[in-house]
Amino acid sequence: MHELPRQLSVDDLAELFECRTQLVEELATRENPLVAARELVRELSDEAKREAFDAHPSIGASRLSARSAAEQGTDDDPEVLDELARLNREYEARHGFRFIVFVNRRPRRDILEVLESRIDRPTPVERETALDELVSIAEDRWRQR
């Protein structure tokens, strides 16, 4: 398991955060970028936050990066996938951004309950949770390298 790095390149960070975004560009200029990430994500504009959220695939999506596919597991039950798709649409309609969760190698079926519990939360609270989850995903990805 790797300790959090003192410096990472844009390419390293893009892999951890799914692609090159304003967040990744800014983090690449910082010492201890994954430590700085929790504070920096809160300083981003709403547009940059949404860009960072949109870089991550929806839970249960058919097109995933290799890393996301490994993290989300192989629960391909059509009922689970249909329910995830429905809940993802409901979540995005309610909050205006993609549902972000640190899956932590749990099966997709287990994520249904998490997604259901977060839909009706106030959007500002949910945005803060999503930002924390985004950084937790990146930290875990670094440690699993």
N, C-alpha and C. Protein backbone atom coordinates (compact mmCIF):
# COMPACT_ATOMS: atom_id res chain seq x y z
N MET A 1 0.84 -1.18 0.00
CA MET A 1 0.00 0.00 0.00
C MET A 1 0.89 1.24 0.00
N HIS A 2 0.56 2.22 -0.81
CA HIS A 2 1.37 3.42 -0.95
C HIS A 2 0.90 4.53 -0.03
N GLU A 3 1.85 5.24 0.55
CA GLU A 3 1.54 6.45 1.30
C GLU A 3 1.12 7.52 0.31
N LEU A 4 0.40 8.53 0.77
CA LEU A 4 -0.01 9.61 -0.11
C LEU A 4 1.24 10.36 -0.58
N PRO A 5 1.34 10.64 -1.88
CA PRO A 5 2.55 11.24 -2.44
C PRO A 5 2.65 12.74 -2.19
N ARG A 6 3.88 13.22 -2.20
CA ARG A 6 4.11 14.65 -2.05
C ARG A 6 3.91 15.40 -3.37
N GLN A 7 4.09 14.71 -4.50
CA GLN A 7 3.92 15.35 -5.80
C GLN A 7 3.40 14.31 -6.79
N LEU A 8 2.48 14.71 -7.64
CA LEU A 8 1.96 13.84 -8.70
C LEU A 8 1.85 14.66 -9.97
N SER A 9 2.05 14.02 -11.10
CA SER A 9 1.90 14.69 -12.39
C SER A 9 0.43 14.82 -12.75
N VAL A 10 0.16 15.63 -13.76
CA VAL A 10 -1.20 15.76 -14.27
C VAL A 10 -1.71 14.40 -14.73
N ASP A 11 -0.86 13.63 -15.40
CA ASP A 11 -1.29 12.32 -15.90
C ASP A 11 -1.61 11.37 -14.74
N ASP A 12 -0.79 11.38 -13.70
CA ASP A 12 -1.07 10.54 -12.52
C ASP A 12 -2.42 10.92 -11.90
N LEU A 13 -2.62 12.20 -11.74
CA LEU A 13 -3.87 12.68 -11.13
C LEU A 13 -5.07 12.42 -12.03
N ALA A 14 -4.90 12.56 -13.33
CA ALA A 14 -5.99 12.29 -14.26
C ALA A 14 -6.43 10.84 -14.15
N GLU A 15 -5.49 9.94 -13.94
CA GLU A 15 -5.84 8.53 -13.75
C GLU A 15 -6.63 8.34 -12.44
N LEU A 16 -6.23 9.02 -11.40
CA LEU A 16 -6.89 8.86 -10.10
C LEU A 16 -8.28 9.49 -10.09
N PHE A 17 -8.47 10.57 -10.86
CA PHE A 17 -9.74 11.29 -10.88
C PHE A 17 -10.52 11.05 -12.18
N GLU A 18 -10.14 10.04 -12.97
CA GLU A 18 -10.81 9.59 -14.20
C GLU A 18 -10.45 10.36 -15.45
N CYS A 19 -10.08 11.62 -15.38
CA CYS A 19 -9.63 12.35 -16.57
C CYS A 19 -9.06 13.69 -16.16
N ARG A 20 -8.56 14.39 -17.12
CA ARG A 20 -7.94 15.70 -16.89
C ARG A 20 -9.04 16.75 -16.77
N THR A 21 -9.15 17.36 -15.61
CA THR A 21 -10.16 18.37 -15.34
C THR A 21 -9.47 19.58 -14.69
N GLN A 22 -10.22 20.63 -14.46
CA GLN A 22 -9.69 21.80 -13.77
C GLN A 22 -9.15 21.39 -12.39
N LEU A 23 -9.86 20.51 -11.71
CA LEU A 23 -9.40 20.01 -10.41
C LEU A 23 -8.03 19.37 -10.55
N VAL A 24 -7.86 18.50 -11.51
CA VAL A 24 -6.59 17.79 -11.73
C VAL A 24 -5.48 18.79 -12.06
N GLU A 25 -5.77 19.74 -12.93
CA GLU A 25 -4.77 20.75 -13.30
C GLU A 25 -4.28 21.52 -12.07
N GLU A 26 -5.20 21.91 -11.22
CA GLU A 26 -4.84 22.67 -10.02
C GLU A 26 -4.08 21.79 -9.02
N LEU A 27 -4.54 20.57 -8.84
CA LEU A 27 -3.86 19.68 -7.89
C LEU A 27 -2.42 19.40 -8.31
N ALA A 28 -2.16 19.33 -9.61
CA ALA A 28 -0.81 19.03 -10.09
C ALA A 28 0.19 20.12 -9.72
N THR A 29 -0.30 21.31 -9.39
CA THR A 29 0.60 22.40 -8.99
C THR A 29 0.88 22.40 -7.49
N ARG A 30 0.21 21.53 -6.77
CA ARG A 30 0.31 21.54 -5.30
C ARG A 30 1.25 20.45 -4.78
N GLU A 31 1.93 20.80 -3.70
CA GLU A 31 2.66 19.77 -2.97
C GLU A 31 1.62 19.01 -2.15
N ASN A 32 1.81 17.71 -2.00
CA ASN A 32 0.84 16.87 -1.29
C ASN A 32 -0.56 17.00 -1.89
N PRO A 33 -0.70 16.74 -3.19
CA PRO A 33 -1.98 17.00 -3.87
C PRO A 33 -3.17 16.24 -3.30
N LEU A 34 -2.99 15.02 -2.88
CA LEU A 34 -4.14 14.28 -2.36
C LEU A 34 -4.53 14.75 -0.96
N VAL A 35 -3.59 15.31 -0.23
CA VAL A 35 -3.92 15.92 1.06
C VAL A 35 -4.64 17.25 0.82
N ALA A 36 -4.16 18.01 -0.16
CA ALA A 36 -4.76 19.31 -0.49
C ALA A 36 -6.12 19.17 -1.16
N ALA A 37 -6.41 18.00 -1.72
CA ALA A 37 -7.62 17.82 -2.52
C ALA A 37 -8.91 18.11 -1.74
N ARG A 38 -9.00 17.69 -0.49
CA ARG A 38 -10.24 17.89 0.27
C ARG A 38 -10.58 19.37 0.43
N GLU A 39 -9.58 20.18 0.60
CA GLU A 39 -9.81 21.63 0.71
C GLU A 39 -10.05 22.24 -0.67
N LEU A 40 -9.23 21.84 -1.62
CA LEU A 40 -9.34 22.43 -2.96
C LEU A 40 -10.69 22.17 -3.60
N VAL A 41 -11.25 20.97 -3.46
CA VAL A 41 -12.53 20.69 -4.13
C VAL A 41 -13.62 21.64 -3.66
N ARG A 42 -13.53 22.11 -2.44
CA ARG A 42 -14.54 23.02 -1.92
C ARG A 42 -14.37 24.44 -2.46
N GLU A 43 -13.17 24.76 -2.90
CA GLU A 43 -12.88 26.09 -3.45
C GLU A 43 -13.23 26.21 -4.93
N LEU A 44 -13.47 25.09 -5.59
CA LEU A 44 -13.78 25.10 -7.02
C LEU A 44 -15.10 25.79 -7.30
N SER A 45 -15.22 26.33 -8.50
CA SER A 45 -16.50 26.87 -8.94
C SER A 45 -17.49 25.71 -9.08
N ASP A 46 -18.77 26.03 -9.12
CA ASP A 46 -19.78 24.99 -9.32
C ASP A 46 -19.55 24.25 -10.64
N GLU A 47 -19.13 24.99 -11.66
CA GLU A 47 -18.86 24.39 -12.97
C GLU A 47 -17.70 23.39 -12.88
N ALA A 48 -16.64 23.74 -12.16
CA ALA A 48 -15.49 22.84 -12.02
C ALA A 48 -15.85 21.63 -11.16
N LYS A 49 -16.70 21.82 -10.17
CA LYS A 49 -17.16 20.67 -9.36
C LYS A 49 -17.95 19.70 -10.24
N ARG A 50 -18.84 20.26 -11.03
CA ARG A 50 -19.64 19.40 -11.91
C ARG A 50 -18.74 18.67 -12.92
N GLU A 51 -17.74 19.36 -13.45
CA GLU A 51 -16.81 18.73 -14.38
C GLU A 51 -16.12 17.53 -13.70
N ALA A 52 -15.70 17.71 -12.45
CA ALA A 52 -15.04 16.62 -11.71
C ALA A 52 -16.02 15.47 -11.47
N PHE A 53 -17.27 15.78 -11.13
CA PHE A 53 -18.28 14.73 -10.93
C PHE A 53 -18.55 13.99 -12.24
N ASP A 54 -18.71 14.76 -13.32
CA ASP A 54 -19.05 14.17 -14.61
C ASP A 54 -17.93 13.31 -15.19
N ALA A 55 -16.72 13.49 -14.70
CA ALA A 55 -15.60 12.67 -15.17
C ALA A 55 -15.76 11.21 -14.72
N HIS A 56 -16.48 11.01 -13.63
CA HIS A 56 -16.70 9.65 -13.12
C HIS A 56 -17.92 9.02 -13.79
N PRO A 57 -17.82 7.76 -14.15
CA PRO A 57 -18.98 7.09 -14.75
C PRO A 57 -20.06 6.84 -13.71
N SER A 58 -21.27 6.78 -14.17
CA SER A 58 -22.39 6.45 -13.28
C SER A 58 -22.22 5.02 -12.76
N ILE A 59 -22.67 4.79 -11.54
CA ILE A 59 -22.66 3.45 -10.98
C ILE A 59 -23.56 2.58 -11.86
N GLY A 60 -23.00 1.46 -12.32
CA GLY A 60 -23.77 0.53 -13.15
C GLY A 60 -23.72 0.83 -14.63
N ALA A 61 -22.98 1.88 -15.03
CA ALA A 61 -22.88 2.21 -16.45
C ALA A 61 -22.22 1.07 -17.22
N SER A 62 -22.54 0.97 -18.48
CA SER A 62 -21.96 -0.11 -19.29
C SER A 62 -20.56 0.25 -19.79
N ARG A 63 -20.27 1.52 -19.92
CA ARG A 63 -18.94 1.96 -20.37
C ARG A 63 -18.19 2.52 -19.18
N LEU A 64 -17.18 1.76 -18.74
CA LEU A 64 -16.39 2.14 -17.57
C LEU A 64 -14.91 2.07 -17.90
N SER A 65 -14.13 2.88 -17.21
CA SER A 65 -12.68 2.71 -17.31
C SER A 65 -12.35 1.37 -16.66
N ALA A 66 -11.19 0.83 -16.99
CA ALA A 66 -10.79 -0.47 -16.41
C ALA A 66 -10.78 -0.38 -14.89
N ARG A 67 -10.31 0.73 -14.37
CA ARG A 67 -10.25 0.91 -12.92
C ARG A 67 -11.65 0.95 -12.31
N SER A 68 -12.56 1.70 -12.91
CA SER A 68 -13.93 1.77 -12.39
C SER A 68 -14.62 0.42 -12.47
N ALA A 69 -14.39 -0.30 -13.55
CA ALA A 69 -15.00 -1.62 -13.70
C ALA A 69 -14.54 -2.55 -12.59
N ALA A 70 -13.27 -2.52 -12.27
CA ALA A 70 -12.75 -3.38 -11.20
C ALA A 70 -13.34 -2.97 -9.85
N GLU A 71 -13.49 -1.68 -9.64
CA GLU A 71 -14.02 -1.18 -8.36
C GLU A 71 -15.51 -1.50 -8.20
N GLN A 72 -16.26 -1.43 -9.30
CA GLN A 72 -17.69 -1.64 -9.23
C GLN A 72 -18.08 -3.12 -9.24
N GLY A 73 -17.16 -3.99 -9.53
CA GLY A 73 -17.46 -5.41 -9.51
C GLY A 73 -18.23 -5.87 -10.73
N THR A 74 -18.72 -7.08 -10.65
CA THR A 74 -19.34 -7.71 -11.83
C THR A 74 -20.79 -8.09 -11.59
N ASP A 75 -21.47 -7.39 -10.73
CA ASP A 75 -22.89 -7.67 -10.47
C ASP A 75 -23.69 -7.21 -11.69
N ASP A 76 -23.97 -8.13 -12.59
CA ASP A 76 -24.66 -7.78 -13.84
C ASP A 76 -26.13 -8.17 -13.83
N ASP A 77 -26.70 -8.34 -12.66
CA ASP A 77 -28.12 -8.67 -12.55
C ASP A 77 -28.92 -7.56 -13.24
N PRO A 78 -29.71 -7.90 -14.27
CA PRO A 78 -30.45 -6.87 -15.01
C PRO A 78 -31.37 -6.03 -14.11
N GLU A 79 -31.96 -6.63 -13.10
CA GLU A 79 -32.83 -5.86 -12.20
C GLU A 79 -32.03 -4.82 -11.43
N VAL A 80 -30.84 -5.20 -10.96
CA VAL A 80 -29.98 -4.27 -10.24
C VAL A 80 -29.55 -3.14 -11.16
N LEU A 81 -29.13 -3.49 -12.36
CA LEU A 81 -28.68 -2.47 -13.31
C LEU A 81 -29.81 -1.52 -13.70
N ASP A 82 -31.00 -2.05 -13.90
CA ASP A 82 -32.16 -1.20 -14.23
C ASP A 82 -32.48 -0.25 -13.07
N GLU A 83 -32.44 -0.77 -11.85
CA GLU A 83 -32.75 0.06 -10.68
C GLU A 83 -31.67 1.12 -10.48
N LEU A 84 -30.41 0.76 -10.69
CA LEU A 84 -29.34 1.76 -10.60
C LEU A 84 -29.53 2.85 -11.64
N ALA A 85 -29.88 2.48 -12.85
CA ALA A 85 -30.09 3.47 -13.91
C ALA A 85 -31.24 4.41 -13.53
N ARG A 86 -32.33 3.85 -13.02
CA ARG A 86 -33.48 4.67 -12.61
C ARG A 86 -33.10 5.62 -11.48
N LEU A 87 -32.43 5.09 -10.47
CA LEU A 87 -32.04 5.92 -9.32
C LEU A 87 -31.00 6.97 -9.71
N ASN A 88 -30.07 6.62 -10.60
CA ASN A 88 -29.09 7.61 -11.07
C ASN A 88 -29.80 8.78 -11.76
N ARG A 89 -30.80 8.47 -12.59
CA ARG A 89 -31.55 9.54 -13.27
C ARG A 89 -32.29 10.41 -12.24
N GLU A 90 -32.91 9.77 -11.28
CA GLU A 90 -33.64 10.51 -10.25
C GLU A 90 -32.69 11.40 -9.44
N TYR A 91 -31.56 10.85 -9.09
CA TYR A 91 -30.56 11.60 -8.32
C TYR A 91 -30.09 12.83 -9.10
N GLU A 92 -29.72 12.63 -10.36
CA GLU A 92 -29.23 13.74 -11.17
C GLU A 92 -30.31 14.80 -11.39
N ALA A 93 -31.55 14.38 -11.57
CA ALA A 93 -32.64 15.33 -11.73
C ALA A 93 -32.84 16.14 -10.46
N ARG A 94 -32.69 15.51 -9.33
CA ARG A 94 -32.88 16.17 -8.02
C ARG A 94 -31.74 17.11 -7.67
N HIS A 95 -30.50 16.65 -7.89
CA HIS A 95 -29.34 17.41 -7.41
C HIS A 95 -28.59 18.17 -8.50
N GLY A 96 -28.75 17.79 -9.76
CA GLY A 96 -28.09 18.50 -10.84
C GLY A 96 -26.66 18.05 -11.11
N PHE A 97 -26.25 16.95 -10.51
CA PHE A 97 -24.92 16.40 -10.77
C PHE A 97 -24.95 14.89 -10.53
N ARG A 98 -23.93 14.23 -11.04
CA ARG A 98 -23.83 12.77 -10.98
C ARG A 98 -23.62 12.28 -9.55
N PHE A 99 -24.22 11.16 -9.24
CA PHE A 99 -24.04 10.48 -7.96
C PHE A 99 -22.62 9.94 -7.88
N ILE A 100 -21.91 10.31 -6.82
CA ILE A 100 -20.53 9.85 -6.60
C ILE A 100 -20.49 9.12 -5.27
N VAL A 101 -19.94 7.91 -5.31
CA VAL A 101 -19.80 7.13 -4.08
C VAL A 101 -18.50 6.33 -4.17
N PHE A 102 -17.83 6.23 -3.05
CA PHE A 102 -16.64 5.38 -2.94
C PHE A 102 -17.15 3.97 -2.78
N VAL A 103 -17.13 3.22 -3.86
CA VAL A 103 -17.70 1.88 -3.89
C VAL A 103 -16.94 0.94 -2.97
N ASN A 104 -15.63 1.10 -2.91
CA ASN A 104 -14.79 0.28 -2.03
C ASN A 104 -15.00 -1.20 -2.28
N ARG A 105 -15.14 -1.54 -3.57
CA ARG A 105 -15.27 -2.92 -4.04
C ARG A 105 -16.53 -3.62 -3.53
N ARG A 106 -17.53 -2.86 -3.13
CA ARG A 106 -18.82 -3.46 -2.78
C ARG A 106 -19.57 -3.78 -4.06
N PRO A 107 -20.40 -4.83 -4.06
CA PRO A 107 -21.19 -5.13 -5.26
C PRO A 107 -22.21 -4.01 -5.51
N ARG A 108 -22.57 -3.88 -6.76
CA ARG A 108 -23.53 -2.84 -7.15
C ARG A 108 -24.84 -2.95 -6.36
N ARG A 109 -25.25 -4.16 -6.06
CA ARG A 109 -26.49 -4.36 -5.30
C ARG A 109 -26.44 -3.59 -3.96
N ASP A 110 -25.26 -3.58 -3.33
CA ASP A 110 -25.11 -2.88 -2.05
C ASP A 110 -25.19 -1.36 -2.21
N ILE A 111 -24.86 -0.88 -3.38
CA ILE A 111 -24.88 0.56 -3.63
C ILE A 111 -26.30 1.09 -3.79
N LEU A 112 -27.23 0.23 -4.17
CA LEU A 112 -28.63 0.66 -4.31
C LEU A 112 -29.13 1.35 -3.04
N GLU A 113 -28.86 0.75 -1.90
CA GLU A 113 -29.32 1.31 -0.63
C GLU A 113 -28.67 2.67 -0.36
N VAL A 114 -27.38 2.79 -0.67
CA VAL A 114 -26.67 4.06 -0.47
C VAL A 114 -27.28 5.14 -1.36
N LEU A 115 -27.50 4.81 -2.61
CA LEU A 115 -28.07 5.76 -3.56
C LEU A 115 -29.47 6.18 -3.13
N GLU A 116 -30.29 5.23 -2.75
CA GLU A 116 -31.64 5.55 -2.28
C GLU A 116 -31.60 6.48 -1.07
N SER A 117 -30.68 6.25 -0.16
CA SER A 117 -30.63 7.06 1.07
C SER A 117 -30.14 8.48 0.82
N ARG A 118 -29.42 8.69 -0.28
CA ARG A 118 -28.86 10.01 -0.54
C ARG A 118 -29.71 10.87 -1.46
N ILE A 119 -30.67 10.31 -2.14
CA ILE A 119 -31.47 11.09 -3.09
C ILE A 119 -32.20 12.25 -2.44
N ASP A 120 -32.81 12.04 -1.31
CA ASP A 120 -33.66 13.06 -0.70
C ASP A 120 -32.92 14.01 0.25
N ARG A 121 -31.63 13.87 0.34
CA ARG A 121 -30.86 14.78 1.19
C ARG A 121 -30.82 16.17 0.55
N PRO A 122 -30.61 17.22 1.34
CA PRO A 122 -30.47 18.56 0.76
C PRO A 122 -29.28 18.60 -0.21
N THR A 123 -29.44 19.28 -1.31
CA THR A 123 -28.40 19.31 -2.33
C THR A 123 -27.06 19.85 -1.80
N PRO A 124 -27.02 20.91 -0.99
CA PRO A 124 -25.72 21.36 -0.48
C PRO A 124 -25.01 20.29 0.35
N VAL A 125 -25.76 19.54 1.14
CA VAL A 125 -25.18 18.46 1.94
C VAL A 125 -24.69 17.36 1.02
N GLU A 126 -25.49 17.04 0.03
CA GLU A 126 -25.13 15.98 -0.91
C GLU A 126 -23.90 16.37 -1.73
N ARG A 127 -23.80 17.62 -2.11
CA ARG A 127 -22.63 18.08 -2.86
C ARG A 127 -21.35 17.89 -2.03
N GLU A 128 -21.42 18.25 -0.74
CA GLU A 128 -20.27 18.06 0.15
C GLU A 128 -19.90 16.58 0.28
N THR A 129 -20.90 15.73 0.39
CA THR A 129 -20.65 14.29 0.47
C THR A 129 -20.00 13.80 -0.81
N ALA A 130 -20.52 14.22 -1.94
CA ALA A 130 -19.97 13.80 -3.23
C ALA A 130 -18.51 14.25 -3.38
N LEU A 131 -18.20 15.45 -2.92
CA LEU A 131 -16.82 15.93 -2.99
C LEU A 131 -15.90 15.06 -2.14
N ASP A 132 -16.34 14.72 -0.94
CA ASP A 132 -15.54 13.83 -0.08
C ASP A 132 -15.36 12.47 -0.71
N GLU A 133 -16.42 11.94 -1.31
CA GLU A 133 -16.35 10.63 -1.95
C GLU A 133 -15.37 10.66 -3.12
N LEU A 134 -15.39 11.73 -3.88
CA LEU A 134 -14.49 11.89 -5.02
C LEU A 134 -13.03 11.78 -4.58
N VAL A 135 -12.70 12.46 -3.50
CA VAL A 135 -11.32 12.42 -3.00
C VAL A 135 -11.01 11.04 -2.40
N SER A 136 -11.97 10.44 -1.71
CA SER A 136 -11.75 9.11 -1.15
C SER A 136 -11.44 8.09 -2.25
N ILE A 137 -12.12 8.20 -3.36
CA ILE A 137 -11.87 7.31 -4.50
C ILE A 137 -10.43 7.47 -4.97
N ALA A 138 -10.00 8.72 -5.16
CA ALA A 138 -8.64 8.98 -5.64
C ALA A 138 -7.60 8.48 -4.65
N GLU A 139 -7.82 8.72 -3.37
CA GLU A 139 -6.88 8.25 -2.35
C GLU A 139 -6.77 6.72 -2.38
N ASP A 140 -7.90 6.05 -2.47
CA ASP A 140 -7.90 4.60 -2.51
C ASP A 140 -7.19 4.09 -3.77
N ARG A 141 -7.43 4.73 -4.88
CA ARG A 141 -6.78 4.33 -6.11
C ARG A 141 -5.26 4.45 -5.98
N TRP A 142 -4.80 5.52 -5.34
CA TRP A 142 -3.36 5.67 -5.13
C TRP A 142 -2.83 4.53 -4.25
N ARG A 143 -3.52 4.24 -3.20
CA ARG A 143 -3.05 3.21 -2.26
C ARG A 143 -3.09 1.81 -2.86
N GLN A 144 -3.97 1.59 -3.84
CA GLN A 144 -4.09 0.26 -4.46
C GLN A 144 -3.10 0.05 -5.59
N ARG A 145 -2.34 1.07 -5.95
CA ARG A 145 -1.39 0.96 -7.08
C ARG A 145 -0.35 -0.09 -6.81
